C-alpha atoms as a PDB file:
ATOM      1  CA  MET A   1      12.233   7.896  24.990  1.00  0.00           C
ATOM      2  CA  ALA A   2      15.431   7.277  23.053  1.00  0.00           C
ATOM      3  CA  ASP A   3      18.426   9.381  24.177  1.00  0.00           C
ATOM      4  CA  ARG A   4      20.741   7.769  21.666  1.00  0.00           C
ATOM      5  CA  GLY A   5      20.824   5.071  19.051  1.00  0.00           C
ATOM      6  CA  LEU A   6      18.838   4.471  15.875  1.00  0.00           C
ATOM      7  CA  ALA A   7      15.620   6.238  16.914  1.00  0.00           C
ATOM      8  CA  ARG A   8      17.478   9.453  17.773  1.00  0.00           C
ATOM      9  CA  LEU A   9      19.511   9.271  14.535  1.00  0.00           C
ATOM     10  CA  ILE A  10      16.404   8.838  12.352  1.00  0.00           C
ATOM     11  CA  LEU A  11      14.386  11.508  14.111  1.00  0.00           C
ATOM     12  CA  SER A  12      17.152  14.086  14.176  1.00  0.00           C
ATOM     13  CA  ARG A  13      18.026  13.521  10.477  1.00  0.00           C
ATOM     14  CA  ARG A  14      14.399  14.174   9.589  1.00  0.00           C
ATOM     15  CA  GLY A  15      14.170  17.195  11.900  1.00  0.00           C
ATOM     16  CA  TYR A  16      11.575  15.585  14.176  1.00  0.00           C
ATOM     17  CA  SER A  17      11.603  15.454  17.938  1.00  0.00           C
ATOM     18  CA  ALA A  18       9.014  12.654  18.094  1.00  0.00           C
ATOM     19  CA  ILE A  19       7.032  10.333  15.897  1.00  0.00           C
ATOM     20  CA  THR A  20       3.933   8.183  16.543  1.00  0.00           C
ATOM     21  CA  PHE A  21       3.378   4.601  15.354  1.00  0.00           C
ATOM     22  CA  GLY A  22      -0.119   3.528  16.434  1.00  0.00           C
ATOM     23  CA  HIS A  23      -0.135   3.708  20.200  1.00  0.00           C
ATOM     24  CA  VAL A  24       3.628   4.121  20.461  1.00  0.00           C
ATOM     25  CA  VAL A  25       5.338   7.525  20.636  1.00  0.00           C
ATOM     26  CA  VAL A  26       9.078   7.497  19.996  1.00  0.00           C
ATOM     27  CA  SER A  27      11.060  10.599  20.867  1.00  0.00           C
ATOM     28  CA  ALA A  28      14.675  11.678  20.538  1.00  0.00           C
ATOM     29  CA  GLY A  29      14.562  13.183  24.025  1.00  0.00           C
ATOM     30  CA  GLN A  30      12.065  14.415  26.612  1.00  0.00           C
ATOM     31  CA  PRO A  31       9.533  16.316  24.454  1.00  0.00           C
ATOM     32  CA  PRO A  32       7.824  19.433  25.723  1.00  0.00           C
ATOM     33  CA  ASP A  33       4.176  19.157  26.737  1.00  0.00           C
ATOM     34  CA  ALA A  34       3.026  20.707  23.432  1.00  0.00           C
ATOM     35  CA  ILE A  35       4.758  17.979  21.456  1.00  0.00           C
ATOM     36  CA  TRP A  36       3.245  15.304  23.675  1.00  0.00           C
ATOM     37  CA  ARG A  37      -0.219  16.771  23.015  1.00  0.00           C
ATOM     38  CA  HIS A  38       0.536  16.829  19.243  1.00  0.00           C
ATOM     39  CA  GLU A  39       1.685  13.180  19.251  1.00  0.00           C
ATOM     40  CA  LEU A  40      -1.195  12.051  21.421  1.00  0.00           C
ATOM     41  CA  ARG A  41      -3.563  13.623  18.819  1.00  0.00           C
ATOM     42  CA  HIS A  42      -1.895  11.334  16.263  1.00  0.00           C
ATOM     43  CA  VAL A  43      -2.655   8.400  18.523  1.00  0.00           C
ATOM     44  CA  ARG A  44      -6.373   9.397  18.469  1.00  0.00           C
ATOM     45  CA  GLN A  45      -6.180   9.751  14.649  1.00  0.00           C
ATOM     46  CA  TYR A  46      -4.721   6.274  14.419  1.00  0.00           C
ATOM     47  CA  GLU A  47      -7.568   4.953  16.589  1.00  0.00           C
ATOM     48  CA  ARG A  48     -10.049   6.628  14.238  1.00  0.00           C
ATOM     49  CA  PHE A  49      -8.504   5.502  10.897  1.00  0.00           C
ATOM     50  CA  GLY A  50      -6.976   2.217  12.007  1.00  0.00           C
ATOM     51  CA  CYS A  51      -4.872   0.496   9.349  1.00  0.00           C
ATOM     52  CA  ALA A  52      -5.680   3.236   6.877  1.00  0.00           C
ATOM     53  CA  PHE A  53      -3.798   5.817   8.960  1.00  0.00           C
ATOM     54  CA  LEU A  54      -0.314   5.141   7.543  1.00  0.00           C
ATOM     55  CA  PRO A  55      -1.302   4.959   3.877  1.00  0.00           C
ATOM     56  CA  LEU A  56      -3.391   8.116   4.237  1.00  0.00           C
ATOM     57  CA  TYR A  57      -0.595   9.899   6.109  1.00  0.00           C
ATOM     58  CA  LEU A  58       1.994   9.046   3.467  1.00  0.00           C
ATOM     59  CA  LEU A  59      -0.350   9.931   0.562  1.00  0.00           C
ATOM     60  CA  TRP A  60      -1.190  13.345   2.003  1.00  0.00           C
ATOM     61  CA  TYR A  61       2.449  13.927   2.964  1.00  0.00           C
ATOM     62  CA  ARG A  62       3.455  13.281  -0.637  1.00  0.00           C
ATOM     63  CA  ARG A  63       0.760  15.481  -2.079  1.00  0.00           C
ATOM     64  CA  ARG A  64       0.733  18.346   0.404  1.00  0.00           C
ATOM     65  CA  GLY A  65       3.977  18.241   2.413  1.00  0.00           C
ATOM     66  CA  TYR A  66       4.182  18.597   6.165  1.00  0.00           C
ATOM     67  CA  ALA A  67       2.797  22.087   6.770  1.00  0.00           C
ATOM     68  CA  ARG A  68      -0.316  21.525   4.640  1.00  0.00           C
ATOM     69  CA  HIS A  69      -0.888  17.938   5.749  1.00  0.00           C
ATOM     70  CA  PRO A  70      -4.454  17.535   7.091  1.00  0.00           C
ATOM     71  CA  LEU A  71      -3.459  15.177   9.937  1.00  0.00           C
ATOM     72  CA  GLU A  72      -0.567  17.383  11.006  1.00  0.00           C
ATOM     73  CA  ARG A  73      -2.695  20.510  10.888  1.00  0.00           C
ATOM     74  CA  ASP A  74      -5.304  18.726  13.032  1.00  0.00           C
ATOM     75  CA  ALA A  75      -2.676  17.629  15.572  1.00  0.00           C
ATOM     76  CA  ALA A  76      -1.185  21.118  15.596  1.00  0.00           C
ATOM     77  CA  ARG A  77      -4.390  23.032  16.318  1.00  0.00           C
ATOM     78  CA  ALA A  78      -4.104  22.776  20.075  1.00  0.00           C
ATOM     79  CA  ILE A  79      -0.506  23.897  20.136  1.00  0.00           C
ATOM     80  CA  LYS A  80      -0.715  26.441  17.270  1.00  0.00           C
ATOM     81  CA  LEU A  81       2.225  24.898  15.428  1.00  0.00           C
ATOM     82  CA  PHE A  82       1.131  26.435  12.103  1.00  0.00           C
ATOM     83  CA  ASP A  83      -0.478  29.740  11.266  1.00  0.00           C
ATOM     84  CA  ALA A  84      -4.055  29.624   9.927  1.00  0.00           C
END
């Protein structure tokens, strides 16, 4: 958890409360349980896709944006972040 510094600056500028890099979850503060579940789903996705995770994530983000991103929609299912 990063209460201040570079991680908080980057996350808050992008409008994120947390971000996952492989098995590491970086957050700008103490995230609610729903955000933890969302980020832990990204950890499982990373385990599934391995080194292809980041290129796939960035490609889909560029083509579909955040709300229509397949990996984000998958991570959001349990917490109902997006409407169907």
